């Protein structure tokens, strides 16, 4: 909905890129939870970093990239 409405687009455009980078930190606990579900036969291996899904790397590098962003 944010991208559809005029006010939503204005809100997204007003956020600094640095803060948008910090949002990717949420990938770390999500990937840990997915791995736990895989170990307990809840989801297939393909959805975890064991199955070549390396979203956790984006979550781990996001803080350093955001800290080094010039503005």
N, C-alpha and C. Protein backbone atom coordinates (compact mmCIF):
# COMPACT_ATOMS: atom_id res chain seq x y z
N UNK A 1 0.81 -1.19 0.00
CA UNK A 1 0.00 0.00 0.00
C UNK A 1 0.85 1.26 0.00
N UNK A 2 2.03 1.18 0.60
CA UNK A 2 2.85 2.39 0.68
C UNK A 2 3.22 2.93 -0.68
N UNK A 3 3.48 2.05 -1.62
CA UNK A 3 3.94 2.50 -2.93
C UNK A 3 2.79 2.93 -3.84
N UNK A 4 1.57 2.62 -3.46
CA UNK A 4 0.42 2.92 -4.30
C UNK A 4 -0.12 4.32 -4.05
N UNK A 5 -0.15 4.72 -2.80
CA UNK A 5 -0.73 6.01 -2.47
C UNK A 5 0.31 7.13 -2.58
N UNK A 6 -0.19 8.31 -2.79
CA UNK A 6 0.70 9.47 -2.90
C UNK A 6 1.43 9.75 -1.59
N UNK A 7 0.72 9.66 -0.47
CA UNK A 7 1.34 9.90 0.83
C UNK A 7 2.35 8.80 1.16
N UNK A 8 2.04 7.58 0.77
CA UNK A 8 2.97 6.47 1.02
C UNK A 8 4.27 6.64 0.27
N UNK A 9 4.18 7.05 -0.98
CA UNK A 9 5.40 7.29 -1.76
C UNK A 9 6.21 8.45 -1.19
N UNK A 10 5.52 9.47 -0.70
CA UNK A 10 6.22 10.60 -0.08
C UNK A 10 6.95 10.15 1.19
N UNK A 11 6.32 9.26 1.95
CA UNK A 11 6.96 8.75 3.16
C UNK A 11 8.21 7.95 2.82
N UNK A 12 8.11 7.06 1.86
CA UNK A 12 9.26 6.24 1.47
C UNK A 12 10.37 7.12 0.91
N UNK A 13 10.02 8.11 0.11
CA UNK A 13 11.03 9.00 -0.47
C UNK A 13 11.71 9.86 0.59
N UNK A 14 11.05 10.11 1.72
CA UNK A 14 11.64 10.95 2.74
C UNK A 14 12.60 10.20 3.67
N UNK A 15 12.57 8.87 3.65
CA UNK A 15 13.45 8.08 4.51
C UNK A 15 14.88 8.09 3.97
N UNK A 16 15.85 8.31 4.81
CA UNK A 16 17.25 8.25 4.36
C UNK A 16 17.62 6.81 3.98
N UNK A 17 18.47 6.68 3.00
CA UNK A 17 18.91 5.36 2.53
C UNK A 17 19.59 4.60 3.67
N UNK A 18 20.27 5.30 4.55
CA UNK A 18 20.94 4.66 5.68
C UNK A 18 19.94 3.87 6.51
N UNK A 19 18.78 4.45 6.81
CA UNK A 19 17.78 3.77 7.63
C UNK A 19 17.16 2.60 6.89
N UNK A 20 17.02 2.73 5.59
CA UNK A 20 16.50 1.60 4.81
C UNK A 20 17.47 0.43 4.83
N UNK A 21 18.75 0.72 4.92
CA UNK A 21 19.75 -0.34 5.04
C UNK A 21 19.64 -1.06 6.37
N UNK A 22 19.33 -0.32 7.42
CA UNK A 22 19.19 -0.93 8.73
C UNK A 22 18.01 -1.91 8.78
N UNK A 23 17.02 -1.71 7.94
CA UNK A 23 15.87 -2.62 7.91
C UNK A 23 16.28 -4.05 7.55
N UNK A 24 17.37 -4.21 6.85
CA UNK A 24 17.81 -5.54 6.43
C UNK A 24 18.39 -6.36 7.58
N UNK A 25 18.61 -5.74 8.72
CA UNK A 25 19.10 -6.48 9.89
C UNK A 25 18.07 -7.53 10.32
N UNK A 26 16.81 -7.30 10.00
CA UNK A 26 15.77 -8.26 10.36
C UNK A 26 15.98 -9.62 9.69
N UNK A 27 16.78 -9.66 8.64
CA UNK A 27 17.04 -10.92 7.95
C UNK A 27 17.78 -11.93 8.83
N UNK A 28 18.58 -11.46 9.78
CA UNK A 28 19.36 -12.38 10.61
C UNK A 28 18.46 -13.27 11.46
N UNK A 29 17.55 -12.71 12.28
CA UNK A 29 16.69 -13.62 13.05
C UNK A 29 15.74 -14.44 12.18
N UNK A 30 15.32 -13.89 11.05
CA UNK A 30 14.45 -14.65 10.15
C UNK A 30 15.18 -15.87 9.61
N UNK A 31 16.43 -15.69 9.19
CA UNK A 31 17.19 -16.82 8.67
C UNK A 31 17.51 -17.85 9.75
N UNK A 32 17.75 -17.38 10.97
CA UNK A 32 17.98 -18.32 12.08
C UNK A 32 16.70 -19.12 12.35
N UNK A 33 15.56 -18.45 12.32
CA UNK A 33 14.28 -19.15 12.52
C UNK A 33 14.02 -20.14 11.39
N UNK A 34 14.33 -19.76 10.15
CA UNK A 34 14.14 -20.69 9.03
C UNK A 34 15.06 -21.89 9.15
N UNK A 35 16.28 -21.66 9.61
CA UNK A 35 17.20 -22.79 9.78
C UNK A 35 16.70 -23.72 10.89
N UNK A 36 16.18 -23.15 11.97
CA UNK A 36 15.62 -23.96 13.05
C UNK A 36 14.44 -24.78 12.53
N UNK A 37 13.58 -24.15 11.72
CA UNK A 37 12.45 -24.89 11.14
C UNK A 37 12.93 -26.01 10.23
N UNK A 38 13.99 -25.76 9.48
CA UNK A 38 14.55 -26.81 8.62
C UNK A 38 15.06 -27.98 9.46
N UNK A 39 15.76 -27.68 10.54
CA UNK A 39 16.28 -28.75 11.40
C UNK A 39 15.16 -29.59 12.01
N UNK A 40 14.01 -28.96 12.21
CA UNK A 40 12.86 -29.67 12.78
C UNK A 40 11.87 -30.11 11.70
N UNK A 41 12.34 -30.18 10.46
CA UNK A 41 11.56 -30.68 9.33
C UNK A 41 10.30 -29.84 9.06
N UNK A 42 10.39 -28.54 9.32
CA UNK A 42 9.25 -27.66 9.10
C UNK A 42 9.22 -27.03 7.72
N UNK A 43 10.40 -26.83 7.15
CA UNK A 43 10.50 -26.25 5.80
C UNK A 43 11.59 -26.99 5.04
N UNK A 44 11.59 -26.87 3.69
CA UNK A 44 12.64 -27.55 2.93
C UNK A 44 13.99 -26.83 3.06
N UNK A 45 15.04 -27.57 2.79
CA UNK A 45 16.41 -27.03 2.89
C UNK A 45 16.62 -25.85 1.95
N UNK A 46 15.94 -25.84 0.83
CA UNK A 46 16.10 -24.79 -0.17
C UNK A 46 15.82 -23.40 0.39
N UNK A 47 15.02 -23.30 1.40
CA UNK A 47 14.67 -22.00 1.98
C UNK A 47 15.69 -21.49 2.98
N UNK A 48 16.71 -22.26 3.30
CA UNK A 48 17.71 -21.86 4.28
C UNK A 48 19.03 -21.54 3.60
N UNK A 49 19.99 -21.03 4.37
CA UNK A 49 21.31 -20.77 3.78
C UNK A 49 22.03 -22.07 3.48
N UNK A 50 21.58 -23.18 4.04
CA UNK A 50 22.12 -24.49 3.67
C UNK A 50 21.75 -24.81 2.23
N UNK A 51 20.62 -24.29 1.79
CA UNK A 51 20.13 -24.54 0.43
C UNK A 51 20.46 -23.42 -0.53
N UNK A 52 21.54 -22.71 -0.31
CA UNK A 52 22.02 -21.64 -1.18
C UNK A 52 21.17 -20.37 -1.12
N UNK A 53 20.45 -20.14 -0.04
CA UNK A 53 19.72 -18.90 0.17
C UNK A 53 20.54 -18.07 1.15
N UNK A 54 21.28 -17.13 0.64
CA UNK A 54 22.23 -16.39 1.46
C UNK A 54 21.71 -15.01 1.87
N UNK A 55 20.43 -14.91 2.19
CA UNK A 55 19.88 -13.65 2.67
C UNK A 55 20.52 -13.22 3.98
N UNK A 56 21.01 -14.17 4.73
CA UNK A 56 21.63 -13.83 6.02
C UNK A 56 22.88 -12.96 5.80
N UNK A 57 23.56 -13.13 4.67
CA UNK A 57 24.73 -12.29 4.39
C UNK A 57 24.34 -10.84 4.20
N UNK A 58 23.19 -10.62 3.56
CA UNK A 58 22.70 -9.24 3.41
C UNK A 58 22.39 -8.64 4.77
N UNK A 59 21.82 -9.44 5.64
CA UNK A 59 21.52 -8.94 6.99
C UNK A 59 22.77 -8.67 7.81
N UNK A 60 23.79 -9.49 7.62
CA UNK A 60 25.02 -9.30 8.38
C UNK A 60 25.85 -8.13 7.87
N UNK A 61 25.80 -7.86 6.59
CA UNK A 61 26.59 -6.75 6.04
C UNK A 61 25.84 -5.42 6.04
N UNK A 62 24.53 -5.45 6.25
CA UNK A 62 23.74 -4.22 6.22
C UNK A 62 24.20 -3.18 7.25
N UNK A 63 24.48 -3.57 8.50
CA UNK A 63 24.90 -2.53 9.45
C UNK A 63 26.19 -1.83 9.05
N UNK A 64 27.17 -2.59 8.59
CA UNK A 64 28.43 -1.94 8.21
C UNK A 64 28.27 -1.08 6.97
N UNK A 65 27.45 -1.51 6.04
CA UNK A 65 27.21 -0.69 4.85
C UNK A 65 26.46 0.59 5.22
N UNK A 66 25.48 0.47 6.10
CA UNK A 66 24.72 1.64 6.51
C UNK A 66 25.56 2.62 7.31
N UNK A 67 26.45 2.09 8.15
CA UNK A 67 27.32 2.98 8.92
C UNK A 67 28.29 3.74 8.03
N UNK A 68 28.71 3.13 6.95
CA UNK A 68 29.67 3.75 6.05
C UNK A 68 29.01 4.56 4.94
N UNK A 69 27.68 4.61 4.91
CA UNK A 69 27.00 5.38 3.88
C UNK A 69 27.25 6.86 4.13
N UNK A 70 27.62 7.62 3.11
CA UNK A 70 28.04 9.00 3.35
C UNK A 70 26.95 9.94 3.85
N UNK A 71 25.70 9.64 3.65
CA UNK A 71 24.64 10.55 4.11
C UNK A 71 23.45 9.78 4.58
